[in-house]
Amino acid sequence: MTTTYAVREVFPTLQGEGFHAGRFAVFVRFAACNLWTGREQDRERDATRHDVACPRWCDTDFAGGARMDLGDLMRAIDTAADHYGAVTTRSRGEVQVDRGTPGLLVFTGGEPLLHLDRPLLDAVRDDYPDFTVAIETNGTVAPADGVHPDWVCVSPKVPVERLVVTSGSELKVVYPAYDPLAYESIEENFGHLYVSPEAQVEVGSVGVSEVSRSATRAAADFVLRHPHWRLSIQQHKLLGLP
């Protein structure tokens, strides 16, 4: 049976958050999450069912999408990478060509570790060896065998004792929805610590949100009190990018 991936969208943008903020990136947004269906009507049900807060305010539109096999997904990545000229040519088969400017390829969701497997990771690394391959995960799903991205961002949505991914490149806590101090026991397992202001979701419109001044100031005040953390603002929203 041919492996297929549930993909919501593939698009070029600038990474808006964390260590790589401002860097050209191709995002692969998988459909489906283990904590929320992505449907507006299921927010409260899933928050209660999984004993988590994130379905009540998650602003990401990851529901729906299409099933794509590896070849289709790689072609979608090629199209996105070529859109702004980041990669004008690449290798196919035995032909080796210049791939252009290095960039960032981010697997996100939903929850990307429900989907990302070794064949996809290998294909991306073969075609884009100069790209940094990253994931953005909620930390509750263990990676498949052989899945070791270059950059792992964990944005926890459950208490620390429920996490299965407890180390990585950056730990990014949404504030004030979650208390960064609740993750003190795993701080040293990450190279970078970030606090991200909680977005305010427009009721009835999944994917439509804005970050309030009060949430941003609250996050900034936290960092001022705990300066080993850094503030991460969603720059892509300020720029009107996806």
C-alpha atoms as a PDB file:
ATOM      1  CA  MET A   1       0.000   0.000   0.000  1.00  0.00           C
ATOM      2  CA  THR A   2       1.309   3.453  -0.904  1.00  0.00           C
ATOM      3  CA  THR A   3       1.813   5.720   2.089  1.00  0.00           C
ATOM      4  CA  THR A   4      -0.175   8.932   1.945  1.00  0.00           C
ATOM      5  CA  TYR A   5      -0.037  12.005   4.144  1.00  0.00           C
ATOM      6  CA  ALA A   6      -2.931  14.148   5.352  1.00  0.00           C
ATOM      7  CA  VAL A   7      -1.850  17.649   4.310  1.00  0.00           C
ATOM      8  CA  ARG A   8      -3.758  20.863   4.958  1.00  0.00           C
ATOM      9  CA  GLU A   9      -1.412  23.171   3.037  1.00  0.00           C
ATOM     10  CA  VAL A  10       2.135  23.738   1.819  1.00  0.00           C
ATOM     11  CA  PHE A  11       3.260  27.348   1.528  1.00  0.00           C
ATOM     12  CA  PRO A  12       6.282  29.682   1.481  1.00  0.00           C
ATOM     13  CA  THR A  13       6.556  32.379   4.127  1.00  0.00           C
ATOM     14  CA  LEU A  14       8.907  33.815   6.738  1.00  0.00           C
ATOM     15  CA  GLN A  15       9.217  31.948   9.988  1.00  0.00           C
ATOM     16  CA  GLY A  16       7.475  34.239  12.431  1.00  0.00           C
ATOM     17  CA  GLU A  17       8.492  32.801  15.773  1.00  0.00           C
ATOM     18  CA  GLY A  18      11.343  31.524  17.868  1.00  0.00           C
ATOM     19  CA  PHE A  19      15.023  31.202  17.039  1.00  0.00           C
ATOM     20  CA  HIS A  20      14.538  31.205  13.240  1.00  0.00           C
ATOM     21  CA  ALA A  21      12.176  34.212  13.138  1.00  0.00           C
ATOM     22  CA  GLY A  22      12.585  36.221   9.940  1.00  0.00           C
ATOM     23  CA  ARG A  23      14.072  33.335   7.958  1.00  0.00           C
ATOM     24  CA  PHE A  24      12.616  32.165   4.625  1.00  0.00           C
ATOM     25  CA  ALA A  25      10.664  28.983   5.241  1.00  0.00           C
ATOM     26  CA  VAL A  26       8.524  26.422   3.491  1.00  0.00           C
ATOM     27  CA  PHE A  27       5.782  25.199   5.800  1.00  0.00           C
ATOM     28  CA  VAL A  28       4.140  21.802   5.455  1.00  0.00           C
ATOM     29  CA  ARG A  29       1.001  21.920   7.568  1.00  0.00           C
ATOM     30  CA  PHE A  30      -0.402  18.478   8.221  1.00  0.00           C
ATOM     31  CA  ALA A  31      -4.090  17.994   8.917  1.00  0.00           C
ATOM     32  CA  ALA A  32      -5.221  16.452  12.206  1.00  0.00           C
ATOM     33  CA  CYS A  33      -4.171  16.840  15.804  1.00  0.00           C
ATOM     34  CA  ASN A  34      -4.451  14.446  18.718  1.00  0.00           C
ATOM     35  CA  LEU A  35      -5.879  17.134  21.010  1.00  0.00           C
ATOM     36  CA  TRP A  36      -8.553  18.821  18.845  1.00  0.00           C
ATOM     37  CA  THR A  37     -10.375  18.018  15.605  1.00  0.00           C
ATOM     38  CA  GLY A  38      -9.874  21.564  14.347  1.00  0.00           C
ATOM     39  CA  ARG A  39     -13.621  22.098  14.074  1.00  0.00           C
ATOM     40  CA  GLU A  40     -15.176  25.061  15.842  1.00  0.00           C
ATOM     41  CA  GLN A  41     -18.029  22.987  17.284  1.00  0.00           C
ATOM     42  CA  ASP A  42     -15.605  20.570  18.949  1.00  0.00           C
ATOM     43  CA  ARG A  43     -13.576  23.059  20.960  1.00  0.00           C
ATOM     44  CA  GLU A  44     -15.179  22.549  24.353  1.00  0.00           C
ATOM     45  CA  ARG A  45     -15.782  18.837  23.851  1.00  0.00           C
ATOM     46  CA  ASP A  46     -12.130  18.134  23.036  1.00  0.00           C
ATOM     47  CA  ALA A  47     -10.826  20.421  25.776  1.00  0.00           C
ATOM     48  CA  THR A  48     -12.813  18.376  28.278  1.00  0.00           C
ATOM     49  CA  ARG A  49     -12.087  15.006  26.657  1.00  0.00           C
ATOM     50  CA  HIS A  50      -8.308  15.497  26.627  1.00  0.00           C
ATOM     51  CA  ASP A  51      -8.120  17.693  29.733  1.00  0.00           C
ATOM     52  CA  VAL A  52      -6.319  20.472  27.849  1.00  0.00           C
ATOM     53  CA  ALA A  53      -6.949  24.180  27.328  1.00  0.00           C
ATOM     54  CA  CYS A  54      -5.622  24.574  23.794  1.00  0.00           C
ATOM     55  CA  PRO A  55      -8.818  23.670  21.863  1.00  0.00           C
ATOM     56  CA  ARG A  56     -10.506  26.676  23.468  1.00  0.00           C
ATOM     57  CA  TRP A  57      -8.071  29.170  21.887  1.00  0.00           C
ATOM     58  CA  CYS A  58      -6.116  27.407  19.140  1.00  0.00           C
ATOM     59  CA  ASP A  59      -6.022  29.716  16.119  1.00  0.00           C
ATOM     60  CA  THR A  60      -4.649  27.284  13.514  1.00  0.00           C
ATOM     61  CA  ASP A  61      -6.808  26.099  10.625  1.00  0.00           C
ATOM     62  CA  PHE A  62      -5.608  22.523  10.149  1.00  0.00           C
ATOM     63  CA  ALA A  63      -8.871  20.664   9.510  1.00  0.00           C
ATOM     64  CA  GLY A  64      -9.660  19.169   6.115  1.00  0.00           C
ATOM     65  CA  GLY A  65      -6.893  19.062   3.559  1.00  0.00           C
ATOM     66  CA  ALA A  66      -6.081  16.257   1.135  1.00  0.00           C
ATOM     67  CA  ARG A  67      -4.285  12.914   1.047  1.00  0.00           C
ATOM     68  CA  MET A  68      -0.986  13.188  -0.804  1.00  0.00           C
ATOM     69  CA  ASP A  69       1.537  10.495  -1.637  1.00  0.00           C
ATOM     70  CA  LEU A  70       5.247  11.169  -1.256  1.00  0.00           C
ATOM     71  CA  GLY A  71       5.712  12.270  -4.864  1.00  0.00           C
ATOM     72  CA  ASP A  72       2.794  14.712  -4.756  1.00  0.00           C
ATOM     73  CA  LEU A  73       3.950  16.171  -1.469  1.00  0.00           C
ATOM     74  CA  MET A  74       7.506  16.656  -2.716  1.00  0.00           C
ATOM     75  CA  ARG A  75       6.185  18.420  -5.821  1.00  0.00           C
ATOM     76  CA  ALA A  76       4.126  20.725  -3.585  1.00  0.00           C
ATOM     77  CA  ILE A  77       7.255  21.489  -1.554  1.00  0.00           C
ATOM     78  CA  ASP A  78       9.179  22.203  -4.768  1.00  0.00           C
ATOM     79  CA  THR A  79       6.495  24.651  -5.908  1.00  0.00           C
ATOM     80  CA  ALA A  80       6.483  26.459  -2.576  1.00  0.00           C
ATOM     81  CA  ALA A  81      10.287  26.650  -2.434  1.00  0.00           C
ATOM     82  CA  ASP A  82      10.484  27.988  -5.993  1.00  0.00           C
ATOM     83  CA  HIS A  83       7.808  30.621  -5.391  1.00  0.00           C
ATOM     84  CA  TYR A  84      10.228  33.239  -4.114  1.00  0.00           C
ATOM     85  CA  GLY A  85      13.267  31.903  -5.910  1.00  0.00           C
ATOM     86  CA  ALA A  86      14.779  30.214  -2.871  1.00  0.00           C
ATOM     87  CA  VAL A  87      15.416  27.060  -4.833  1.00  0.00           C
ATOM     88  CA  THR A  88      15.535  27.354  -8.592  1.00  0.00           C
ATOM     89  CA  THR A  89      16.843  23.886  -9.398  1.00  0.00           C
ATOM     90  CA  ARG A  90      17.384  20.609  -7.593  1.00  0.00           C
ATOM     91  CA  SER A  91      18.393  17.014  -8.093  1.00  0.00           C
ATOM     92  CA  ARG A  92      16.135  14.413  -9.627  1.00  0.00           C
ATOM     93  CA  GLY A  93      17.413  10.934 -10.316  1.00  0.00           C
ATOM     94  CA  GLU A  94      21.069  11.030 -11.328  1.00  0.00           C
ATOM     95  CA  VAL A  95      21.171  14.711 -12.284  1.00  0.00           C
ATOM     96  CA  GLN A  96      22.852  16.918  -9.682  1.00  0.00           C
ATOM     97  CA  VAL A  97      22.209  20.640  -9.892  1.00  0.00           C
ATOM     98  CA  ASP A  98      22.521  23.765  -7.793  1.00  0.00           C
ATOM     99  CA  ARG A  99      19.735  24.119  -5.243  1.00  0.00           C
ATOM    100  CA  GLY A 100      20.225  27.801  -4.554  1.00  0.00           C
ATOM    101  CA  THR A 101      19.819  29.532  -1.198  1.00  0.00           C
ATOM    102  CA  PRO A 102      19.513  27.473   2.000  1.00  0.00           C
ATOM    103  CA  GLY A 103      16.266  27.839   3.857  1.00  0.00           C
ATOM    104  CA  LEU A 104      14.062  26.343   6.523  1.00  0.00           C
ATOM    105  CA  LEU A 105      11.496  23.594   5.995  1.00  0.00           C
ATOM    106  CA  VAL A 106       8.986  23.332   8.840  1.00  0.00           C
ATOM    107  CA  PHE A 107       6.645  20.421   9.462  1.00  0.00           C
ATOM    108  CA  THR A 108       3.762  21.657  11.559  1.00  0.00           C
ATOM    109  CA  GLY A 109       0.069  20.989  12.073  1.00  0.00           C
ATOM    110  CA  GLY A 110      -2.108  20.012  13.739  1.00  0.00           C
ATOM    111  CA  GLU A 111       0.408  17.634  15.187  1.00  0.00           C
ATOM    112  CA  PRO A 112       3.191  16.800  12.722  1.00  0.00           C
ATOM    113  CA  LEU A 113       4.497  13.742  14.571  1.00  0.00           C
ATOM    114  CA  LEU A 114       1.242  11.964  13.739  1.00  0.00           C
ATOM    115  CA  HIS A 115       2.423  12.048  10.117  1.00  0.00           C
ATOM    116  CA  LEU A 116       6.147  12.593   9.654  1.00  0.00           C
ATOM    117  CA  ASP A 117       7.992   9.380   8.790  1.00  0.00           C
ATOM    118  CA  ARG A 118      11.462   8.345   7.688  1.00  0.00           C
ATOM    119  CA  PRO A 119      10.719   8.179   3.916  1.00  0.00           C
ATOM    120  CA  LEU A 120       9.447  11.768   3.876  1.00  0.00           C
ATOM    121  CA  LEU A 121      12.301  13.031   6.015  1.00  0.00           C
ATOM    122  CA  ASP A 122      14.846  11.256   3.809  1.00  0.00           C
ATOM    123  CA  ALA A 123      13.255  12.638   0.618  1.00  0.00           C
ATOM    124  CA  VAL A 124      13.405  16.209   1.925  1.00  0.00           C
ATOM    125  CA  ARG A 125      17.020  15.843   2.984  1.00  0.00           C
ATOM    126  CA  ASP A 126      17.980  14.320  -0.347  1.00  0.00           C
ATOM    127  CA  ASP A 127      16.402  17.138  -2.366  1.00  0.00           C
ATOM    128  CA  TYR A 128      17.179  20.014   0.016  1.00  0.00           C
ATOM    129  CA  PRO A 129      20.430  19.094   1.802  1.00  0.00           C
ATOM    130  CA  ASP A 130      21.171  22.719   2.723  1.00  0.00           C
ATOM    131  CA  PHE A 131      17.780  23.314   4.330  1.00  0.00           C
ATOM    132  CA  THR A 132      17.201  23.057   8.084  1.00  0.00           C
ATOM    133  CA  VAL A 133      14.383  20.546   8.614  1.00  0.00           C
ATOM    134  CA  ALA A 134      12.259  21.526  11.615  1.00  0.00           C
ATOM    135  CA  ILE A 135       9.132  20.373  13.395  1.00  0.00           C
ATOM    136  CA  GLU A 136       6.746  22.221  15.668  1.00  0.00           C
ATOM    137  CA  THR A 137       5.124  19.703  18.021  1.00  0.00           C
ATOM    138  CA  ASN A 138       2.947  19.767  21.125  1.00  0.00           C
ATOM    139  CA  GLY A 139       5.219  17.104  22.601  1.00  0.00           C
ATOM    140  CA  THR A 140       2.582  14.436  23.219  1.00  0.00           C
ATOM    141  CA  VAL A 141       3.386  12.130  20.272  1.00  0.00           C
ATOM    142  CA  ALA A 142       6.582  10.102  20.043  1.00  0.00           C
ATOM    143  CA  PRO A 143       8.520  10.408  16.757  1.00  0.00           C
ATOM    144  CA  ALA A 144       8.403   7.447  14.383  1.00  0.00           C
ATOM    145  CA  ASP A 145      11.493   5.257  14.143  1.00  0.00           C
ATOM    146  CA  GLY A 146      14.350   7.058  12.426  1.00  0.00           C
ATOM    147  CA  VAL A 147      12.678  10.490  12.548  1.00  0.00           C
ATOM    148  CA  HIS A 148      15.298  12.928  13.809  1.00  0.00           C
ATOM    149  CA  PRO A 149      14.699  16.465  12.457  1.00  0.00           C
ATOM    150  CA  ASP A 150      17.470  19.055  12.571  1.00  0.00           C
ATOM    151  CA  TRP A 151      15.401  21.396  14.740  1.00  0.00           C
ATOM    152  CA  VAL A 152      12.711  20.441  17.268  1.00  0.00           C
ATOM    153  CA  CYS A 153      10.399  23.064  18.724  1.00  0.00           C
ATOM    154  CA  VAL A 154       8.161  21.794  21.519  1.00  0.00           C
ATOM    155  CA  SER A 155       5.191  23.987  22.397  1.00  0.00           C
ATOM    156  CA  PRO A 156       3.601  22.066  25.275  1.00  0.00           C
ATOM    157  CA  LYS A 157      -0.157  21.955  25.681  1.00  0.00           C
ATOM    158  CA  VAL A 158      -0.227  19.473  28.573  1.00  0.00           C
ATOM    159  CA  PRO A 159       1.454  19.288  31.994  1.00  0.00           C
ATOM    160  CA  VAL A 160       5.101  18.272  31.906  1.00  0.00           C
ATOM    161  CA  GLU A 161       4.381  14.780  33.203  1.00  0.00           C
ATOM    162  CA  ARG A 162       2.243  14.066  30.122  1.00  0.00           C
ATOM    163  CA  LEU A 163       4.912  15.051  27.622  1.00  0.00           C
ATOM    164  CA  VAL A 164       6.725  12.332  25.680  1.00  0.00           C
ATOM    165  CA  VAL A 165       9.057  14.734  23.834  1.00  0.00           C
ATOM    166  CA  THR A 166      10.992  16.394  26.635  1.00  0.00           C
ATOM    167  CA  SER A 167      14.091  17.639  24.837  1.00  0.00           C
ATOM    168  CA  GLY A 168      14.837  19.554  21.683  1.00  0.00           C
ATOM    169  CA  SER A 169      16.105  22.779  20.190  1.00  0.00           C
ATOM    170  CA  GLU A 170      13.576  25.202  21.636  1.00  0.00           C
ATOM    171  CA  LEU A 171      10.815  25.146  24.213  1.00  0.00           C
ATOM    172  CA  LYS A 172       8.045  27.640  23.391  1.00  0.00           C
ATOM    173  CA  VAL A 173       5.301  28.184  25.964  1.00  0.00           C
ATOM    174  CA  VAL A 174       2.084  30.029  25.122  1.00  0.00           C
ATOM    175  CA  TYR A 175       1.431  32.595  27.850  1.00  0.00           C
ATOM    176  CA  PRO A 176      -0.654  33.162  29.917  1.00  0.00           C
ATOM    177  CA  ALA A 177      -2.523  30.001  28.864  1.00  0.00           C
ATOM    178  CA  TYR A 178       0.393  27.967  30.229  1.00  0.00           C
ATOM    179  CA  ASP A 179       2.897  28.732  32.965  1.00  0.00           C
ATOM    180  CA  PRO A 180       6.493  28.435  31.742  1.00  0.00           C
ATOM    181  CA  LEU A 181       7.615  27.719  35.307  1.00  0.00           C
ATOM    182  CA  ALA A 182       5.622  24.479  35.182  1.00  0.00           C
ATOM    183  CA  TYR A 183       8.266  23.169  32.758  1.00  0.00           C
ATOM    184  CA  GLU A 184      11.307  23.984  34.913  1.00  0.00           C
ATOM    185  CA  SER A 185      12.226  20.315  35.169  1.00  0.00           C
ATOM    186  CA  ILE A 186      12.942  20.084  31.406  1.00  0.00           C
ATOM    187  CA  GLU A 187      14.367  23.564  30.744  1.00  0.00           C
ATOM    188  CA  GLU A 188      17.927  22.301  30.594  1.00  0.00           C
ATOM    189  CA  ASN A 189      16.967  19.831  27.849  1.00  0.00           C
ATOM    190  CA  PHE A 190      16.442  22.687  25.368  1.00  0.00           C
ATOM    191  CA  GLY A 191      18.859  25.111  23.801  1.00  0.00           C
ATOM    192  CA  HIS A 192      16.426  28.033  23.743  1.00  0.00           C
ATOM    193  CA  LEU A 193      13.441  29.046  25.903  1.00  0.00           C
ATOM    194  CA  TYR A 194      10.630  31.213  24.517  1.00  0.00           C
ATOM    195  CA  VAL A 195       7.402  32.718  25.799  1.00  0.00           C
ATOM    196  CA  SER A 196       4.783  33.390  23.123  1.00  0.00           C
ATOM    197  CA  PRO A 197       1.744  35.611  23.801  1.00  0.00           C
ATOM    198  CA  GLU A 198      -1.580  33.805  23.583  1.00  0.00           C
ATOM    199  CA  ALA A 199      -3.657  34.728  20.526  1.00  0.00           C
ATOM    200  CA  GLN A 200      -7.272  35.817  20.833  1.00  0.00           C
ATOM    201  CA  VAL A 201      -9.431  33.745  18.504  1.00  0.00           C
ATOM    202  CA  GLU A 202     -12.354  35.279  16.639  1.00  0.00           C
ATOM    203  CA  VAL A 203     -15.312  33.171  17.741  1.00  0.00           C
ATOM    204  CA  GLY A 204     -16.723  31.092  14.914  1.00  0.00           C
ATOM    205  CA  SER A 205     -13.747  31.688  12.625  1.00  0.00           C
ATOM    206  CA  VAL A 206     -11.011  29.085  12.924  1.00  0.00           C
ATOM    207  CA  GLY A 207      -7.732  30.549  11.722  1.00  0.00           C
ATOM    208  CA  VAL A 208      -8.722  34.154  12.429  1.00  0.00           C
ATOM    209  CA  SER A 209      -7.034  35.663  15.469  1.00  0.00           C
ATOM    210  CA  GLU A 210      -4.921  38.473  16.784  1.00  0.00           C
ATOM    211  CA  VAL A 211      -2.521  38.872  19.666  1.00  0.00           C
ATOM    212  CA  SER A 212      -3.785  41.407  22.175  1.00  0.00           C
ATOM    213  CA  ARG A 213      -1.646  44.104  23.754  1.00  0.00           C
ATOM    214  CA  SER A 214      -2.507  42.723  27.196  1.00  0.00           C
ATOM    215  CA  ALA A 215      -1.287  39.200  26.369  1.00  0.00           C
ATOM    216  CA  THR A 216       1.873  40.582  24.784  1.00  0.00           C
ATOM    217  CA  ARG A 217       2.591  42.795  27.780  1.00  0.00           C
ATOM    218  CA  ALA A 218       1.926  39.914  30.168  1.00  0.00           C
ATOM    219  CA  ALA A 219       4.422  37.756  28.266  1.00  0.00           C
ATOM    220  CA  ALA A 220       6.955  40.594  28.224  1.00  0.00           C
ATOM    221  CA  ASP A 221       6.538  41.122  31.974  1.00  0.00           C
ATOM    222  CA  PHE A 222       7.166  37.422  32.541  1.00  0.00           C
ATOM    223  CA  VAL A 223      10.438  37.605  30.611  1.00  0.00           C
ATOM    224  CA  LEU A 224      11.486  40.702  32.540  1.00  0.00           C
ATOM    225  CA  ARG A 225      11.020  38.697  35.741  1.00  0.00           C
ATOM    226  CA  HIS A 226      12.645  35.553  34.306  1.00  0.00           C
ATOM    227  CA  PRO A 227      15.327  36.772  31.866  1.00  0.00           C
ATOM    228  CA  HIS A 228      16.629  33.326  30.937  1.00  0.00           C
ATOM    229  CA  TRP A 229      13.435  33.123  28.834  1.00  0.00           C
ATOM    230  CA  ARG A 230      12.988  35.198  25.671  1.00  0.00           C
ATOM    231  CA  LEU A 231       9.903  36.807  24.151  1.00  0.00           C
ATOM    232  CA  SER A 232       8.705  35.428  20.806  1.00  0.00           C
ATOM    233  CA  ILE A 233       6.081  37.463  18.964  1.00  0.00           C
ATOM    234  CA  GLN A 234       4.265  36.104  15.914  1.00  0.00           C
ATOM    235  CA  GLN A 235       5.937  38.399  13.388  1.00  0.00           C
ATOM    236  CA  HIS A 236       4.178  36.801  10.423  1.00  0.00           C
ATOM    237  CA  LYS A 237       0.836  38.056  11.747  1.00  0.00           C
ATOM    238  CA  LEU A 238       2.179  41.588  12.024  1.00  0.00           C
ATOM    239  CA  LEU A 239       3.366  41.303   8.401  1.00  0.00           C
ATOM    240  CA  GLY A 240       0.154  39.726   7.098  1.00  0.00           C
ATOM    241  CA  LEU A 241       1.951  36.533   6.063  1.00  0.00           C
ATOM    242  CA  PRO A 242       0.533  33.006   6.393  1.00  0.00           C
END
